Amino acid sequence: MDLFAPRHLLIILVIVLLVFGTKKLKSIGSDLGSAVRGFKDSMRDAEQEPTETPPSEPKQLANSDKPAEKTAADKAAADKKTAA
């Protein structure tokens, strides 16, 4: 005798409906469907992304004639020199 005969599957379905109810089964099905959809989307995104990301180069200032801004440590050192 086959373990998953149509008659057996029908009996299992009826028992599951009695235990969980239709509302609970509907929410379980929609949750499971959204989880599978999210997994497929993440797998598709992972395939499209390159495996190695090239290092990003530092951005250069548009006006290289301007001096760089002083940091707080530079300002403190300059204040100490003027006070001495």
N, C-alpha and C. Protein backbone atom coordinates (compact mmCIF):
# COMPACT_ATOMS: atom_id res chain seq x y z
N MET A 1 0.84 -1.18 0.00
CA MET A 1 0.00 0.00 0.00
C MET A 1 0.88 1.24 0.00
N ASP A 2 0.48 2.24 -0.77
CA ASP A 2 1.23 3.47 -0.90
C ASP A 2 0.99 4.37 0.32
N LEU A 3 2.07 4.96 0.83
CA LEU A 3 1.98 5.79 2.03
C LEU A 3 1.21 7.09 1.75
N PHE A 4 1.43 7.69 0.58
CA PHE A 4 0.79 8.96 0.25
C PHE A 4 -0.28 8.78 -0.83
N ALA A 5 -1.15 7.86 -0.61
CA ALA A 5 -2.26 7.65 -1.53
C ALA A 5 -3.24 8.82 -1.40
N PRO A 6 -4.00 9.13 -2.41
CA PRO A 6 -4.94 10.26 -2.35
C PRO A 6 -5.91 10.16 -1.16
N ARG A 7 -6.30 8.95 -0.83
CA ARG A 7 -7.22 8.78 0.28
C ARG A 7 -6.56 9.17 1.61
N HIS A 8 -5.28 8.80 1.77
CA HIS A 8 -4.55 9.16 2.98
C HIS A 8 -4.34 10.67 3.07
N LEU A 9 -3.99 11.28 1.95
CA LEU A 9 -3.78 12.73 1.95
C LEU A 9 -5.06 13.49 2.28
N LEU A 10 -6.19 12.99 1.81
CA LEU A 10 -7.48 13.62 2.11
C LEU A 10 -7.80 13.52 3.60
N ILE A 11 -7.52 12.38 4.20
CA ILE A 11 -7.76 12.21 5.64
C ILE A 11 -6.86 13.15 6.44
N ILE A 12 -5.59 13.26 6.04
CA ILE A 12 -4.66 14.16 6.73
C ILE A 12 -5.12 15.61 6.60
N LEU A 13 -5.60 16.00 5.43
CA LEU A 13 -6.08 17.36 5.22
C LEU A 13 -7.28 17.67 6.11
N VAL A 14 -8.20 16.74 6.23
CA VAL A 14 -9.38 16.94 7.09
C VAL A 14 -8.96 17.08 8.55
N ILE A 15 -8.02 16.27 9.00
CA ILE A 15 -7.55 16.36 10.39
C ILE A 15 -6.86 17.70 10.64
N VAL A 16 -6.04 18.14 9.70
CA VAL A 16 -5.36 19.44 9.84
C VAL A 16 -6.38 20.56 9.89
N LEU A 17 -7.41 20.51 9.05
CA LEU A 17 -8.45 21.54 9.06
C LEU A 17 -9.18 21.58 10.40
N LEU A 18 -9.45 20.40 10.96
CA LEU A 18 -10.13 20.35 12.25
C LEU A 18 -9.26 20.89 13.38
N VAL A 19 -7.97 20.61 13.32
CA VAL A 19 -7.07 21.04 14.40
C VAL A 19 -6.79 22.54 14.33
N PHE A 20 -6.46 23.04 13.16
CA PHE A 20 -6.04 24.44 13.05
C PHE A 20 -7.16 25.40 12.68
N GLY A 21 -8.09 24.99 11.90
CA GLY A 21 -9.14 25.88 11.43
C GLY A 21 -8.71 26.58 10.15
N THR A 22 -9.69 27.10 9.42
CA THR A 22 -9.39 27.69 8.11
C THR A 22 -8.66 29.02 8.23
N LYS A 23 -8.98 29.84 9.23
CA LYS A 23 -8.32 31.14 9.36
C LYS A 23 -6.84 30.98 9.67
N LYS A 24 -6.53 30.07 10.57
CA LYS A 24 -5.14 29.85 10.95
C LYS A 24 -4.35 29.27 9.77
N LEU A 25 -4.95 28.35 9.02
CA LEU A 25 -4.27 27.78 7.87
C LEU A 25 -4.03 28.83 6.79
N LYS A 26 -4.98 29.75 6.63
CA LYS A 26 -4.82 30.81 5.64
C LYS A 26 -3.66 31.72 6.02
N SER A 27 -3.57 32.08 7.30
CA SER A 27 -2.47 32.95 7.73
C SER A 27 -1.13 32.22 7.65
N ILE A 28 -1.11 30.93 7.98
CA ILE A 28 0.13 30.16 7.87
C ILE A 28 0.57 30.09 6.42
N GLY A 29 -0.37 29.88 5.51
CA GLY A 29 -0.03 29.81 4.08
C GLY A 29 0.49 31.12 3.54
N SER A 30 -0.13 32.23 3.94
CA SER A 30 0.35 33.53 3.45
C SER A 30 1.71 33.87 4.04
N ASP A 31 1.93 33.53 5.31
CA ASP A 31 3.24 33.77 5.92
C ASP A 31 4.33 32.93 5.25
N LEU A 32 4.00 31.70 4.98
CA LEU A 32 4.96 30.82 4.32
C LEU A 32 5.25 31.30 2.90
N GLY A 33 4.23 31.75 2.19
CA GLY A 33 4.42 32.26 0.83
C GLY A 33 5.28 33.51 0.81
N SER A 34 5.05 34.43 1.76
CA SER A 34 5.87 35.65 1.79
C SER A 34 7.32 35.33 2.18
N ALA A 35 7.51 34.35 3.03
CA ALA A 35 8.87 33.95 3.41
C ALA A 35 9.61 33.36 2.22
N VAL A 36 8.93 32.52 1.45
CA VAL A 36 9.56 31.92 0.27
C VAL A 36 9.86 33.00 -0.77
N ARG A 37 8.92 33.94 -0.96
CA ARG A 37 9.13 35.04 -1.90
C ARG A 37 10.34 35.89 -1.49
N GLY A 38 10.43 36.20 -0.20
CA GLY A 38 11.57 36.99 0.29
C GLY A 38 12.89 36.26 0.11
N PHE A 39 12.88 34.95 0.33
CA PHE A 39 14.09 34.16 0.13
C PHE A 39 14.51 34.17 -1.33
N LYS A 40 13.55 34.01 -2.24
CA LYS A 40 13.87 34.02 -3.66
C LYS A 40 14.41 35.38 -4.09
N ASP A 41 13.82 36.47 -3.59
CA ASP A 41 14.29 37.81 -3.92
C ASP A 41 15.71 38.03 -3.43
N SER A 42 16.00 37.59 -2.22
CA SER A 42 17.36 37.78 -1.70
C SER A 42 18.37 36.94 -2.47
N MET A 43 17.98 35.76 -2.89
CA MET A 43 18.89 34.93 -3.69
C MET A 43 19.13 35.57 -5.05
N ARG A 44 18.09 36.14 -5.65
CA ARG A 44 18.23 36.80 -6.94
C ARG A 44 19.13 38.03 -6.81
N ASP A 45 18.98 38.81 -5.73
CA ASP A 45 19.81 39.98 -5.50
C ASP A 45 21.27 39.58 -5.27
N ALA A 46 21.48 38.48 -4.56
CA ALA A 46 22.84 38.02 -4.30
C ALA A 46 23.52 37.57 -5.59
N GLU A 47 22.78 37.02 -6.51
CA GLU A 47 23.37 36.60 -7.79
C GLU A 47 23.73 37.79 -8.65
N GLN A 48 22.96 38.88 -8.55
CA GLN A 48 23.21 40.04 -9.39
C GLN A 48 24.36 40.90 -8.87
N GLU A 49 24.63 40.90 -7.57
CA GLU A 49 25.71 41.69 -7.02
C GLU A 49 27.05 41.06 -7.37
N PRO A 50 28.04 41.91 -7.63
CA PRO A 50 29.36 41.34 -7.91
C PRO A 50 29.95 40.74 -6.63
N THR A 51 30.77 39.72 -6.80
CA THR A 51 31.32 39.04 -5.63
C THR A 51 32.37 39.89 -4.93
N GLU A 52 33.17 40.63 -5.68
CA GLU A 52 34.18 41.49 -5.08
C GLU A 52 33.87 42.93 -5.42
N THR A 53 33.82 43.76 -4.41
CA THR A 53 33.56 45.17 -4.60
C THR A 53 34.89 45.90 -4.68
N PRO A 54 35.13 46.67 -5.76
CA PRO A 54 36.40 47.38 -5.84
C PRO A 54 36.46 48.46 -4.76
N PRO A 55 37.66 48.72 -4.22
CA PRO A 55 37.75 49.74 -3.17
C PRO A 55 37.41 51.11 -3.74
N SER A 56 36.70 51.87 -2.95
CA SER A 56 36.29 53.19 -3.41
C SER A 56 37.45 54.17 -3.25
N GLU A 57 37.62 55.03 -4.24
CA GLU A 57 38.69 56.01 -4.18
C GLU A 57 38.19 57.22 -3.41
N PRO A 58 39.08 57.88 -2.66
CA PRO A 58 38.65 59.07 -1.93
C PRO A 58 38.28 60.18 -2.90
N LYS A 59 37.25 60.91 -2.54
CA LYS A 59 36.79 61.99 -3.39
C LYS A 59 37.72 63.19 -3.24
N GLN A 60 38.04 63.82 -4.35
CA GLN A 60 38.90 65.00 -4.32
C GLN A 60 38.04 66.24 -4.23
N LEU A 61 38.60 67.27 -3.63
CA LEU A 61 37.88 68.53 -3.53
C LEU A 61 37.73 69.15 -4.91
N ALA A 62 36.61 69.81 -5.15
CA ALA A 62 36.38 70.45 -6.44
C ALA A 62 37.36 71.60 -6.64
N ASN A 63 37.58 72.38 -5.60
CA ASN A 63 38.54 73.48 -5.67
C ASN A 63 39.78 73.09 -4.90
N SER A 64 40.81 72.62 -5.60
CA SER A 64 42.02 72.19 -4.92
C SER A 64 42.84 73.39 -4.45
N ASP A 65 42.49 74.62 -4.87
CA ASP A 65 43.20 75.81 -4.45
C ASP A 65 42.90 76.15 -2.99
N LYS A 66 41.72 75.76 -2.50
CA LYS A 66 41.33 76.07 -1.13
C LYS A 66 42.14 75.23 -0.16
N PRO A 67 42.58 75.82 0.96
CA PRO A 67 43.26 75.00 1.97
C PRO A 67 42.25 74.13 2.69
N ALA A 68 42.74 73.02 3.21
CA ALA A 68 41.86 72.11 3.93
C ALA A 68 41.42 72.75 5.23
N GLU A 69 40.21 72.41 5.69
CA GLU A 69 39.70 72.97 6.94
C GLU A 69 40.50 72.42 8.11
N LYS A 70 40.66 73.25 9.13
CA LYS A 70 41.40 72.82 10.31
C LYS A 70 40.50 71.98 11.20
N THR A 71 41.09 70.97 11.79
CA THR A 71 40.34 70.14 12.73
C THR A 71 40.38 70.78 14.10
N ALA A 72 39.64 70.26 15.03
CA ALA A 72 39.60 70.80 16.38
C ALA A 72 40.97 70.71 17.05
N ALA A 73 41.72 69.65 16.78
CA ALA A 73 43.05 69.49 17.37
C ALA A 73 44.01 70.54 16.80
N ASP A 74 43.90 70.82 15.50
CA ASP A 74 44.75 71.84 14.89
C ASP A 74 44.44 73.22 15.47
N LYS A 75 43.16 73.50 15.68
CA LYS A 75 42.76 74.78 16.24
C LYS A 75 43.26 74.93 17.67
N ALA A 76 43.21 73.86 18.45
CA ALA A 76 43.68 73.90 19.83
C ALA A 76 45.18 74.13 19.87
N ALA A 77 45.92 73.48 18.98
CA ALA A 77 47.37 73.66 18.94
C ALA A 77 47.72 75.09 18.53
N ALA A 78 46.98 75.66 17.60
CA ALA A 78 47.22 77.04 17.16
C ALA A 78 46.91 78.02 18.30
N ASP A 79 45.87 77.75 19.07
CA ASP A 79 45.53 78.61 20.21
C ASP A 79 46.60 78.57 21.27
N LYS A 80 47.21 77.40 21.50
CA LYS A 80 48.28 77.28 22.49
C LYS A 80 49.52 78.05 22.05
N LYS A 81 49.82 78.04 20.74
CA LYS A 81 50.98 78.76 20.23
C LYS A 81 50.80 80.26 20.38
N THR A 82 49.60 80.75 20.11
CA THR A 82 49.34 82.21 20.21
C THR A 82 49.30 82.64 21.66
N ALA A 83 48.86 81.78 22.57
CA ALA A 83 48.79 82.14 23.98
C ALA A 83 50.17 82.14 24.61
N ALA A 84 51.11 81.40 24.10
CA ALA A 84 52.43 81.31 24.72
C ALA A 84 53.33 82.42 24.35
